[in-house]
Protein backbone atom coordinates (compact mmCIF):
# COMPACT_ATOMS: atom_id res chain seq x y z
CA UNK A 1 10.40 13.51 -17.13
CA UNK A 2 10.63 13.91 -13.40
CA UNK A 3 13.08 11.59 -11.63
CA UNK A 4 12.90 10.98 -7.90
CA UNK A 5 15.84 9.62 -5.93
CA UNK A 6 15.41 8.43 -2.36
CA UNK A 7 18.17 8.00 0.18
CA UNK A 8 18.62 7.59 3.90
CA UNK A 9 17.25 4.13 4.54
CA UNK A 10 18.98 1.69 6.83
CA UNK A 11 18.69 -0.57 9.83
CA UNK A 12 17.96 0.70 13.33
CA UNK A 13 16.70 -0.65 16.60
CA UNK A 14 13.24 0.13 17.86
CA UNK A 15 13.11 3.63 19.28
CA UNK A 16 15.75 4.90 16.89
CA UNK A 17 15.53 7.52 14.16
CA UNK A 18 16.18 7.83 10.45
CA UNK A 19 15.78 10.63 7.94
CA UNK A 20 14.79 9.82 4.39
CA UNK A 21 15.44 12.22 1.53
CA UNK A 22 13.72 12.49 -1.81
CA UNK A 23 15.44 14.62 -4.41
CA UNK A 24 13.73 15.52 -7.65
CA UNK A 25 15.67 15.96 -10.85
CA UNK A 26 13.94 19.09 -12.04
CA UNK A 27 12.36 22.14 -10.61
CA UNK A 28 9.89 22.76 -13.36
CA UNK A 29 6.73 22.83 -11.31
CA UNK A 30 5.75 25.63 -8.96
CA UNK A 31 2.85 23.56 -7.61
CA UNK A 32 3.27 19.95 -6.61
CA UNK A 33 2.43 17.31 -4.05
CA UNK A 34 4.89 14.73 -2.78
CA UNK A 35 4.13 11.71 -0.62
CA UNK A 36 5.88 8.83 1.07
CA UNK A 37 4.55 5.32 0.82
CA UNK A 38 5.90 2.11 2.31
CA UNK A 39 5.51 -1.53 1.51
CA UNK A 40 6.25 -4.43 3.80
CA UNK A 41 6.77 -7.95 2.43
CA UNK A 42 3.46 -9.52 1.50
CA UNK A 43 1.50 -6.33 2.12
CA UNK A 44 0.04 -3.62 -0.06
CA UNK A 45 1.72 -0.30 -0.53
CA UNK A 46 0.67 2.00 2.31
CA UNK A 47 0.54 5.78 2.32
CA UNK A 48 2.60 7.30 5.13
CA UNK A 49 2.66 11.08 4.74
CA UNK A 50 2.43 13.87 2.19
CA UNK A 51 3.47 17.47 1.68
CA UNK A 52 2.64 20.00 -1.00
CA UNK A 53 4.48 23.00 -2.39
CA UNK A 54 2.65 25.33 0.00
CA UNK A 55 3.95 23.34 2.96
CA UNK A 56 0.69 21.65 3.86
CA UNK A 57 1.31 18.27 5.46
CA UNK A 58 -0.77 15.20 6.22
CA UNK A 59 0.16 12.06 8.11
CA UNK A 60 -1.22 8.57 8.50
CA UNK A 61 -2.52 7.91 12.01
CA UNK A 62 0.10 5.22 12.51
CA UNK A 63 2.96 7.72 12.21
CA UNK A 64 1.39 10.94 13.46
CA UNK A 65 3.52 12.47 16.21
CA UNK A 66 6.55 10.35 15.28
CA UNK A 67 7.27 11.32 11.66
CA UNK A 68 7.77 14.83 10.30
CA UNK A 69 7.96 16.16 6.76
CA UNK A 70 10.03 19.08 5.59
CA UNK A 71 11.29 20.51 2.31
CA UNK A 72 14.24 22.42 0.96
CA UNK A 73 13.13 23.97 -2.29
CA UNK A 74 16.60 25.26 -3.10
CA UNK A 75 17.83 21.66 -3.14
CA UNK A 76 14.70 20.19 -4.75
CA UNK A 77 14.62 17.84 -1.79
CA UNK A 78 11.94 16.69 0.65
CA UNK A 79 12.61 14.92 3.88
CA UNK A 80 10.86 12.44 6.12
CA UNK A 81 12.21 12.52 9.66
CA UNK A 82 11.25 9.27 11.38
CA UNK A 83 11.51 9.10 15.17
CA UNK A 84 10.60 6.46 17.76
CA UNK A 85 10.68 3.84 15.06
CA UNK A 86 8.85 0.57 15.58
CA UNK A 87 9.30 -2.85 13.95
CA UNK A 88 5.97 -2.24 12.16
CA UNK A 89 7.63 0.66 10.34
CA UNK A 90 9.83 -1.82 8.46
CA UNK A 91 9.47 -1.80 4.69
CA UNK A 92 10.60 -0.27 1.44
CA UNK A 93 9.86 3.43 1.47
CA UNK A 94 8.99 5.17 -1.77
CA UNK A 95 8.58 8.83 -2.51
CA UNK A 96 6.04 9.82 -5.13
CA UNK A 97 5.23 13.11 -6.78
CA UNK A 98 2.23 14.61 -8.49
CA UNK A 99 2.99 17.87 -10.31
CA UNK A 100 0.40 20.62 -10.30
CA UNK A 101 -1.44 19.53 -7.16
CA UNK A 102 -1.84 21.74 -4.11
CA UNK A 103 -4.07 20.81 -1.20
CA UNK A 104 -7.08 22.94 -0.29
CA UNK A 105 -8.01 21.92 3.22
CA UNK A 106 -10.77 19.36 3.58
CA UNK A 107 -12.07 20.16 0.10
CA UNK A 108 -8.98 18.73 -1.55
CA UNK A 109 -6.70 17.02 0.92
CA UNK A 110 -3.33 15.54 0.09
CA UNK A 111 -4.04 12.27 -1.77
CA UNK A 112 -3.36 8.93 -0.17
CA UNK A 113 -3.79 6.57 -3.12
CA UNK A 114 -0.78 5.44 -5.17
CA UNK A 115 -2.92 6.02 -8.28
CA UNK A 116 -2.86 9.76 -7.60
CA UNK A 117 0.89 10.07 -8.11
CA UNK A 118 2.56 10.10 -11.51
CA UNK A 119 6.22 9.80 -10.56
CA UNK A 120 7.94 7.36 -8.25
CA UNK A 121 11.37 6.79 -6.83
CA UNK A 122 13.15 3.43 -6.71
CA UNK A 123 12.59 2.93 -2.98
CA UNK A 124 14.85 2.69 0.04
CA UNK A 125 14.79 -0.07 2.64
CA UNK A 126 14.04 0.70 6.27
CA UNK A 127 14.46 -2.11 8.79
CA UNK A 128 13.56 -1.70 12.45
CA UNK A 129 14.57 -4.49 14.80
CA UNK A 130 13.02 -5.12 18.19
């Protein structure tokens, strides 16, 4: 079973930066899709960004231009670089993975629903103070 481990959360002031990492335990899939979600207290889990094994990326409008995804396949690790952080970015950030999925443009874009992802990490807290 795939295991995802997030790291890199913390507390920063507005305008600061953080980089989250999501390492997967196995490299058994040549095709996959990985996404970041976040959940603030009292709110539903919100999709933030996603990347697939081909390097296709997709971002929520609220983070576009501020967050950037990258991957290091040799380390089985995907990264979310978060810049110009705002207090609204506060929440627990989760990485999620769906093996076997690769985006195909507008025909099959990177999924944004939590139901589309089979594996989840334990979450890492991000707190942005004003």
